[in-house]
Amino acid sequence: RHRLSRRGDRQLNAALHTVAITQIRMPGTRGHTYYQAKLSEGKTSREAQRCLKRRLADHVWRTMISDERRRT
């Protein structure tokens, strides 16, 4: 498996981790549903968590870009 660099914004990574763990622990959230779907696909718990964190990061990025476009 190709691993990305662990360098980067550690505060942002910590925030994404906190959001992911919170969503995993709360049944009924989209994050929990996504996490359970990844587990049912045969992924390990860590892989499913990594997928959820990536999905959250993509959502944050899209939100930042749309806010920037709205501002200009």
PDB file of N, CA and C in Angstrom:
ATOM      1  N   ARG A   1       0.852  -1.183   0.000  1.00  0.00           N
ATOM      2  CA  ARG A   1       0.000   0.000   0.000  1.00  0.00           C
ATOM      3  C   ARG A   1       0.886   1.230   0.000  1.00  0.00           C
ATOM      4  N   HIS A   2       0.477   2.231  -0.779  1.00  0.00           N
ATOM      5  CA  HIS A   2       1.211   3.494  -0.825  1.00  0.00           C
ATOM      6  C   HIS A   2       0.820   4.347   0.368  1.00  0.00           C
ATOM      7  N   ARG A   3       1.795   4.775   1.116  1.00  0.00           N
ATOM      8  CA  ARG A   3       1.534   5.596   2.304  1.00  0.00           C
ATOM      9  C   ARG A   3       1.918   7.032   2.011  1.00  0.00           C
ATOM     10  N   LEU A   4       1.049   7.945   2.373  1.00  0.00           N
ATOM     11  CA  LEU A   4       1.324   9.362   2.215  1.00  0.00           C
ATOM     12  C   LEU A   4       2.245   9.834   3.329  1.00  0.00           C
ATOM     13  N   SER A   5       2.847  10.955   3.103  1.00  0.00           N
ATOM     14  CA  SER A   5       3.741  11.537   4.097  1.00  0.00           C
ATOM     15  C   SER A   5       2.956  11.879   5.357  1.00  0.00           C
ATOM     16  N   ARG A   6       3.559  11.664   6.505  1.00  0.00           N
ATOM     17  CA  ARG A   6       2.911  12.004   7.772  1.00  0.00           C
ATOM     18  C   ARG A   6       3.125  13.469   8.126  1.00  0.00           C
ATOM     19  N   ARG A   7       3.912  14.169   7.322  1.00  0.00           N
ATOM     20  CA  ARG A   7       4.119  15.589   7.554  1.00  0.00           C
ATOM     21  C   ARG A   7       2.848  16.341   7.187  1.00  0.00           C
ATOM     22  N   GLY A   8       2.759  17.554   7.605  1.00  0.00           N
ATOM     23  CA  GLY A   8       1.591  18.351   7.261  1.00  0.00           C
ATOM     24  C   GLY A   8       1.070  19.083   8.479  1.00  0.00           C
ATOM     25  N   ASP A   9      -0.134  19.534   8.365  1.00  0.00           N
ATOM     26  CA  ASP A   9      -0.767  20.315   9.418  1.00  0.00           C
ATOM     27  C   ASP A   9      -1.240  19.377  10.526  1.00  0.00           C
ATOM     28  N   ARG A  10      -0.461  19.277  11.596  1.00  0.00           N
ATOM     29  CA  ARG A  10      -0.776  18.337  12.664  1.00  0.00           C
ATOM     30  C   ARG A  10      -2.048  18.731  13.416  1.00  0.00           C
ATOM     31  N   GLN A  11      -2.301  20.032  13.538  1.00  0.00           N
ATOM     32  CA  GLN A  11      -3.526  20.461  14.221  1.00  0.00           C
ATOM     33  C   GLN A  11      -4.758  20.064  13.418  1.00  0.00           C
ATOM     34  N   LEU A  12      -4.671  20.216  12.099  1.00  0.00           N
ATOM     35  CA  LEU A  12      -5.790  19.821  11.244  1.00  0.00           C
ATOM     36  C   LEU A  12      -5.986  18.312  11.303  1.00  0.00           C
ATOM     37  N   ASN A  13      -4.897  17.551  11.277  1.00  0.00           N
ATOM     38  CA  ASN A  13      -4.999  16.092  11.383  1.00  0.00           C
ATOM     39  C   ASN A  13      -5.629  15.686  12.711  1.00  0.00           C
ATOM     40  N   ALA A  14      -5.253  16.341  13.772  1.00  0.00           N
ATOM     41  CA  ALA A  14      -5.819  16.032  15.087  1.00  0.00           C
ATOM     42  C   ALA A  14      -7.313  16.355  15.118  1.00  0.00           C
ATOM     43  N   ALA A  15      -7.705  17.460  14.510  1.00  0.00           N
ATOM     44  CA  ALA A  15      -9.118  17.839  14.470  1.00  0.00           C
ATOM     45  C   ALA A  15      -9.927  16.829  13.652  1.00  0.00           C
ATOM     46  N   LEU A  16      -9.392  16.405  12.509  1.00  0.00           N
ATOM     47  CA  LEU A  16     -10.081  15.410  11.685  1.00  0.00           C
ATOM     48  C   LEU A  16     -10.205  14.084  12.434  1.00  0.00           C
ATOM     49  N   HIS A  17      -9.187  13.735  13.169  1.00  0.00           N
ATOM     50  CA  HIS A  17      -9.221  12.495  13.956  1.00  0.00           C
ATOM     51  C   HIS A  17     -10.325  12.574  15.015  1.00  0.00           C
ATOM     52  N   THR A  18     -10.410  13.692  15.705  1.00  0.00           N
ATOM     53  CA  THR A  18     -11.434  13.873  16.731  1.00  0.00           C
ATOM     54  C   THR A  18     -12.834  13.787  16.135  1.00  0.00           C
ATOM     55  N   VAL A  19     -13.040  14.426  14.989  1.00  0.00           N
ATOM     56  CA  VAL A  19     -14.347  14.387  14.324  1.00  0.00           C
ATOM     57  C   VAL A  19     -14.673  12.955  13.904  1.00  0.00           C
ATOM     58  N   ALA A  20     -13.696  12.260  13.334  1.00  0.00           N
ATOM     59  CA  ALA A  20     -13.924  10.890  12.875  1.00  0.00           C
ATOM     60  C   ALA A  20     -14.285   9.968  14.037  1.00  0.00           C
ATOM     61  N   ILE A  21     -13.538  10.047  15.114  1.00  0.00           N
ATOM     62  CA  ILE A  21     -13.812   9.194  16.272  1.00  0.00           C
ATOM     63  C   ILE A  21     -15.190   9.497  16.858  1.00  0.00           C
ATOM     64  N   THR A  22     -15.544  10.773  16.915  1.00  0.00           N
ATOM     65  CA  THR A  22     -16.852  11.165  17.437  1.00  0.00           C
ATOM     66  C   THR A  22     -17.965  10.605  16.564  1.00  0.00           C
ATOM     67  N   GLN A  23     -17.809  10.701  15.245  1.00  0.00           N
ATOM     68  CA  GLN A  23     -18.840  10.179  14.347  1.00  0.00           C
ATOM     69  C   GLN A  23     -18.936   8.661  14.423  1.00  0.00           C
ATOM     70  N   ILE A  24     -17.805   7.985  14.558  1.00  0.00           N
ATOM     71  CA  ILE A  24     -17.813   6.529  14.658  1.00  0.00           C
ATOM     72  C   ILE A  24     -18.568   6.086  15.904  1.00  0.00           C
ATOM     73  N   ARG A  25     -18.416   6.823  16.979  1.00  0.00           N
ATOM     74  CA  ARG A  25     -19.043   6.441  18.253  1.00  0.00           C
ATOM     75  C   ARG A  25     -20.521   6.787  18.338  1.00  0.00           C
ATOM     76  N   MET A  26     -21.029   7.610  17.424  1.00  0.00           N
ATOM     77  CA  MET A  26     -22.424   8.054  17.488  1.00  0.00           C
ATOM     78  C   MET A  26     -23.250   7.370  16.402  1.00  0.00           C
ATOM     79  N   PRO A  27     -24.018   6.342  16.766  1.00  0.00           N
ATOM     80  CA  PRO A  27     -24.865   5.666  15.773  1.00  0.00           C
ATOM     81  C   PRO A  27     -25.861   6.641  15.156  1.00  0.00           C
ATOM     82  N   GLY A  28     -26.134   6.452  13.888  1.00  0.00           N
ATOM     83  CA  GLY A  28     -27.093   7.311  13.199  1.00  0.00           C
ATOM     84  C   GLY A  28     -26.450   8.435  12.421  1.00  0.00           C
ATOM     85  N   THR A  29     -25.172   8.699  12.642  1.00  0.00           N
ATOM     86  CA  THR A  29     -24.501   9.751  11.876  1.00  0.00           C
ATOM     87  C   THR A  29     -24.041   9.189  10.536  1.00  0.00           C
ATOM     88  N   ARG A  30     -23.830  10.073   9.577  1.00  0.00           N
ATOM     89  CA  ARG A  30     -23.344   9.639   8.268  1.00  0.00           C
ATOM     90  C   ARG A  30     -21.967   8.995   8.385  1.00  0.00           C
ATOM     91  N   GLY A  31     -21.152   9.539   9.268  1.00  0.00           N
ATOM     92  CA  GLY A  31     -19.819   8.988   9.455  1.00  0.00           C
ATOM     93  C   GLY A  31     -19.861   7.565   9.990  1.00  0.00           C
ATOM     94  N   HIS A  32     -20.752   7.310  10.927  1.00  0.00           N
ATOM     95  CA  HIS A  32     -20.894   5.968  11.498  1.00  0.00           C
ATOM     96  C   HIS A  32     -21.368   4.991  10.420  1.00  0.00           C
ATOM     97  N   THR A  33     -22.336   5.421   9.625  1.00  0.00           N
ATOM     98  CA  THR A  33     -22.852   4.577   8.551  1.00  0.00           C
ATOM     99  C   THR A  33     -21.761   4.263   7.534  1.00  0.00           C
ATOM    100  N   TYR A  34     -20.979   5.275   7.168  1.00  0.00           N
ATOM    101  CA  TYR A  34     -19.883   5.089   6.211  1.00  0.00           C
ATOM    102  C   TYR A  34     -18.839   4.139   6.788  1.00  0.00           C
ATOM    103  N   TYR A  35     -18.503   4.307   8.043  1.00  0.00           N
ATOM    104  CA  TYR A  35     -17.521   3.462   8.719  1.00  0.00           C
ATOM    105  C   TYR A  35     -17.989   2.005   8.735  1.00  0.00           C
ATOM    106  N   GLN A  36     -19.254   1.779   9.077  1.00  0.00           N
ATOM    107  CA  GLN A  36     -19.799   0.421   9.104  1.00  0.00           C
ATOM    108  C   GLN A  36     -19.806  -0.200   7.705  1.00  0.00           C
ATOM    109  N   ALA A  37     -20.080   0.614   6.689  1.00  0.00           N
ATOM    110  CA  ALA A  37     -20.062   0.116   5.304  1.00  0.00           C
ATOM    111  C   ALA A  37     -18.658  -0.335   4.918  1.00  0.00           C
ATOM    112  N   LYS A  38     -17.662   0.425   5.320  1.00  0.00           N
ATOM    113  CA  LYS A  38     -16.277   0.057   5.014  1.00  0.00           C
ATOM    114  C   LYS A  38     -15.888  -1.221   5.739  1.00  0.00           C
ATOM    115  N   LEU A  39     -16.355  -1.390   6.976  1.00  0.00           N
ATOM    116  CA  LEU A  39     -16.075  -2.622   7.702  1.00  0.00           C
ATOM    117  C   LEU A  39     -16.728  -3.822   7.016  1.00  0.00           C
ATOM    118  N   SER A  40     -17.949  -3.622   6.506  1.00  0.00           N
ATOM    119  CA  SER A  40     -18.644  -4.725   5.839  1.00  0.00           C
ATOM    120  C   SER A  40     -17.995  -5.071   4.499  1.00  0.00           C
ATOM    121  N   GLU A  41     -17.221  -4.137   3.928  1.00  0.00           N
ATOM    122  CA  GLU A  41     -16.476  -4.417   2.697  1.00  0.00           C
ATOM    123  C   GLU A  41     -15.251  -5.275   2.974  1.00  0.00           C
ATOM    124  N   GLY A  42     -14.938  -5.473   4.248  1.00  0.00           N
ATOM    125  CA  GLY A  42     -13.797  -6.295   4.603  1.00  0.00           C
ATOM    126  C   GLY A  42     -12.572  -5.510   5.038  1.00  0.00           C
ATOM    127  N   LYS A  43     -12.712  -4.213   5.169  1.00  0.00           N
ATOM    128  CA  LYS A  43     -11.588  -3.403   5.622  1.00  0.00           C
ATOM    129  C   LYS A  43     -11.412  -3.568   7.134  1.00  0.00           C
ATOM    130  N   THR A  44     -10.187  -3.378   7.585  1.00  0.00           N
ATOM    131  CA  THR A  44      -9.939  -3.420   9.019  1.00  0.00           C
ATOM    132  C   THR A  44     -10.461  -2.134   9.645  1.00  0.00           C
ATOM    133  N   SER A  45     -10.499  -2.112  10.963  1.00  0.00           N
ATOM    134  CA  SER A  45     -10.984  -0.925  11.669  1.00  0.00           C
ATOM    135  C   SER A  45     -10.126   0.296  11.343  1.00  0.00           C
ATOM    136  N   ARG A  46      -8.821   0.110  11.320  1.00  0.00           N
ATOM    137  CA  ARG A  46      -7.923   1.238  11.019  1.00  0.00           C
ATOM    138  C   ARG A  46      -8.080   1.721   9.582  1.00  0.00           C
ATOM    139  N   GLU A  47      -8.271   0.778   8.644  1.00  0.00           N
ATOM    140  CA  GLU A  47      -8.471   1.165   7.249  1.00  0.00           C
ATOM    141  C   GLU A  47      -9.786   1.911   7.075  1.00  0.00           C
ATOM    142  N   ALA A  48     -10.836   1.440   7.738  1.00  0.00           N
ATOM    143  CA  ALA A  48     -12.134   2.101   7.654  1.00  0.00           C
ATOM    144  C   ALA A  48     -12.059   3.502   8.265  1.00  0.00           C
ATOM    145  N   GLN A  49     -11.325   3.619   9.367  1.00  0.00           N
ATOM    146  CA  GLN A  49     -11.153   4.939   9.993  1.00  0.00           C
ATOM    147  C   GLN A  49     -10.374   5.867   9.058  1.00  0.00           C
ATOM    148  N   ARG A  50      -9.364   5.354   8.407  1.00  0.00           N
ATOM    149  CA  ARG A  50      -8.576   6.149   7.467  1.00  0.00           C
ATOM    150  C   ARG A  50      -9.446   6.635   6.305  1.00  0.00           C
ATOM    151  N   CYS A  51     -10.342   5.753   5.820  1.00  0.00           N
ATOM    152  CA  CYS A  51     -11.264   6.135   4.746  1.00  0.00           C
ATOM    153  C   CYS A  51     -12.191   7.265   5.196  1.00  0.00           C
ATOM    154  N   LEU A  52     -12.706   7.149   6.412  1.00  0.00           N
ATOM    155  CA  LEU A  52     -13.596   8.181   6.946  1.00  0.00           C
ATOM    156  C   LEU A  52     -12.866   9.504   7.098  1.00  0.00           C
ATOM    157  N   LYS A  53     -11.636   9.469   7.602  1.00  0.00           N
ATOM    158  CA  LYS A  53     -10.869  10.702   7.772  1.00  0.00           C
ATOM    159  C   LYS A  53     -10.586  11.349   6.426  1.00  0.00           C
ATOM    160  N   ARG A  54     -10.313  10.526   5.402  1.00  0.00           N
ATOM    161  CA  ARG A  54     -10.081  11.056   4.061  1.00  0.00           C
ATOM    162  C   ARG A  54     -11.345  11.712   3.521  1.00  0.00           C
ATOM    163  N   ARG A  55     -12.483  11.073   3.760  1.00  0.00           N
ATOM    164  CA  ARG A  55     -13.758  11.638   3.314  1.00  0.00           C
ATOM    165  C   ARG A  55     -14.043  12.966   4.017  1.00  0.00           C
ATOM    166  N   LEU A  56     -13.760  13.033   5.303  1.00  0.00           N
ATOM    167  CA  LEU A  56     -13.941  14.284   6.050  1.00  0.00           C
ATOM    168  C   LEU A  56     -13.007  15.376   5.526  1.00  0.00           C
ATOM    169  N   ALA A  57     -11.758  15.003   5.243  1.00  0.00           N
ATOM    170  CA  ALA A  57     -10.794  15.972   4.717  1.00  0.00           C
ATOM    171  C   ALA A  57     -11.253  16.510   3.367  1.00  0.00           C
ATOM    172  N   ASP A  58     -11.789  15.631   2.516  1.00  0.00           N
ATOM    173  CA  ASP A  58     -12.306  16.075   1.217  1.00  0.00           C
ATOM    174  C   ASP A  58     -13.468  17.043   1.389  1.00  0.00           C
ATOM    175  N   HIS A  59     -14.333  16.754   2.361  1.00  0.00           N
ATOM    176  CA  HIS A  59     -15.477  17.638   2.616  1.00  0.00           C
ATOM    177  C   HIS A  59     -15.006  19.020   3.104  1.00  0.00           C
ATOM    178  N   VAL A  60     -14.040  19.021   4.005  1.00  0.00           N
ATOM    179  CA  VAL A  60     -13.498  20.290   4.508  1.00  0.00           C
ATOM    180  C   VAL A  60     -12.873  21.075   3.357  1.00  0.00           C
ATOM    181  N   TRP A  61     -12.132  20.385   2.486  1.00  0.00           N
ATOM    182  CA  TRP A  61     -11.491  21.049   1.356  1.00  0.00           C
ATOM    183  C   TRP A  61     -12.533  21.661   0.417  1.00  0.00           C
ATOM    184  N   ARG A  62     -13.570  20.909   0.080  1.00  0.00           N
ATOM    185  CA  ARG A  62     -14.616  21.439  -0.794  1.00  0.00           C
ATOM    186  C   ARG A  62     -15.298  22.649  -0.166  1.00  0.00           C
ATOM    187  N   THR A  63     -15.520  22.611   1.131  1.00  0.00           N
ATOM    188  CA  THR A  63     -16.135  23.740   1.833  1.00  0.00           C
ATOM    189  C   THR A  63     -15.235  24.967   1.782  1.00  0.00           C
ATOM    190  N   MET A  64     -13.940  24.770   1.989  1.00  0.00           N
ATOM    191  CA  MET A  64     -12.991  25.895   1.931  1.00  0.00           C
ATOM    192  C   MET A  64     -12.965  26.516   0.540  1.00  0.00           C
ATOM    193  N   ILE A  65     -12.949  25.686  -0.502  1.00  0.00           N
ATOM    194  CA  ILE A  65     -12.910  26.180  -1.876  1.00  0.00           C
ATOM    195  C   ILE A  65     -14.190  26.942  -2.211  1.00  0.00           C
ATOM    196  N   SER A  66     -15.345  26.401  -1.820  1.00  0.00           N
ATOM    197  CA  SER A  66     -16.606  27.084  -2.120  1.00  0.00           C
ATOM    198  C   SER A  66     -16.706  28.406  -1.366  1.00  0.00           C
ATOM    199  N   ASP A  67     -16.210  28.463  -0.139  1.00  0.00           N
ATOM    200  CA  ASP A  67     -16.205  29.716   0.603  1.00  0.00           C
ATOM    201  C   ASP A  67     -15.305  30.753  -0.072  1.00  0.00           C
ATOM    202  N   GLU A  68     -14.167  30.294  -0.558  1.00  0.00           N
ATOM    203  CA  GLU A  68     -13.229  31.205  -1.238  1.00  0.00           C
ATOM    204  C   GLU A  68     -13.843  31.737  -2.530  1.00  0.00           C
ATOM    205  N   ARG A  69     -14.514  30.883  -3.276  1.00  0.00           N
ATOM    206  CA  ARG A  69     -15.158  31.327  -4.525  1.00  0.00           C
ATOM    207  C   ARG A  69     -16.277  32.309  -4.229  1.00  0.00           C
ATOM    208  N   ARG A  70     -17.029  32.056  -3.159  1.00  0.00           N
ATOM    209  CA  ARG A  70     -18.120  32.955  -2.794  1.00  0.00           C
ATOM    210  C   ARG A  70     -17.593  34.332  -2.386  1.00  0.00           C
ATOM    211  N   ARG A  71     -16.420  34.321  -1.753  1.00  0.00           N
ATOM    212  CA  ARG A  71     -15.827  35.567  -1.271  1.00  0.00           C
ATOM    213  C   ARG A  71     -15.348  36.451  -2.424  1.00  0.00           C
ATOM    214  N   THR A  72     -14.901  35.845  -3.517  1.00  0.00           N
ATOM    215  CA  THR A  72     -14.382  36.639  -4.646  1.00  0.00           C
ATOM    216  C   THR A  72     -15.403  36.956  -5.671  1.00  0.00           C
TER     217      THR A  72
END
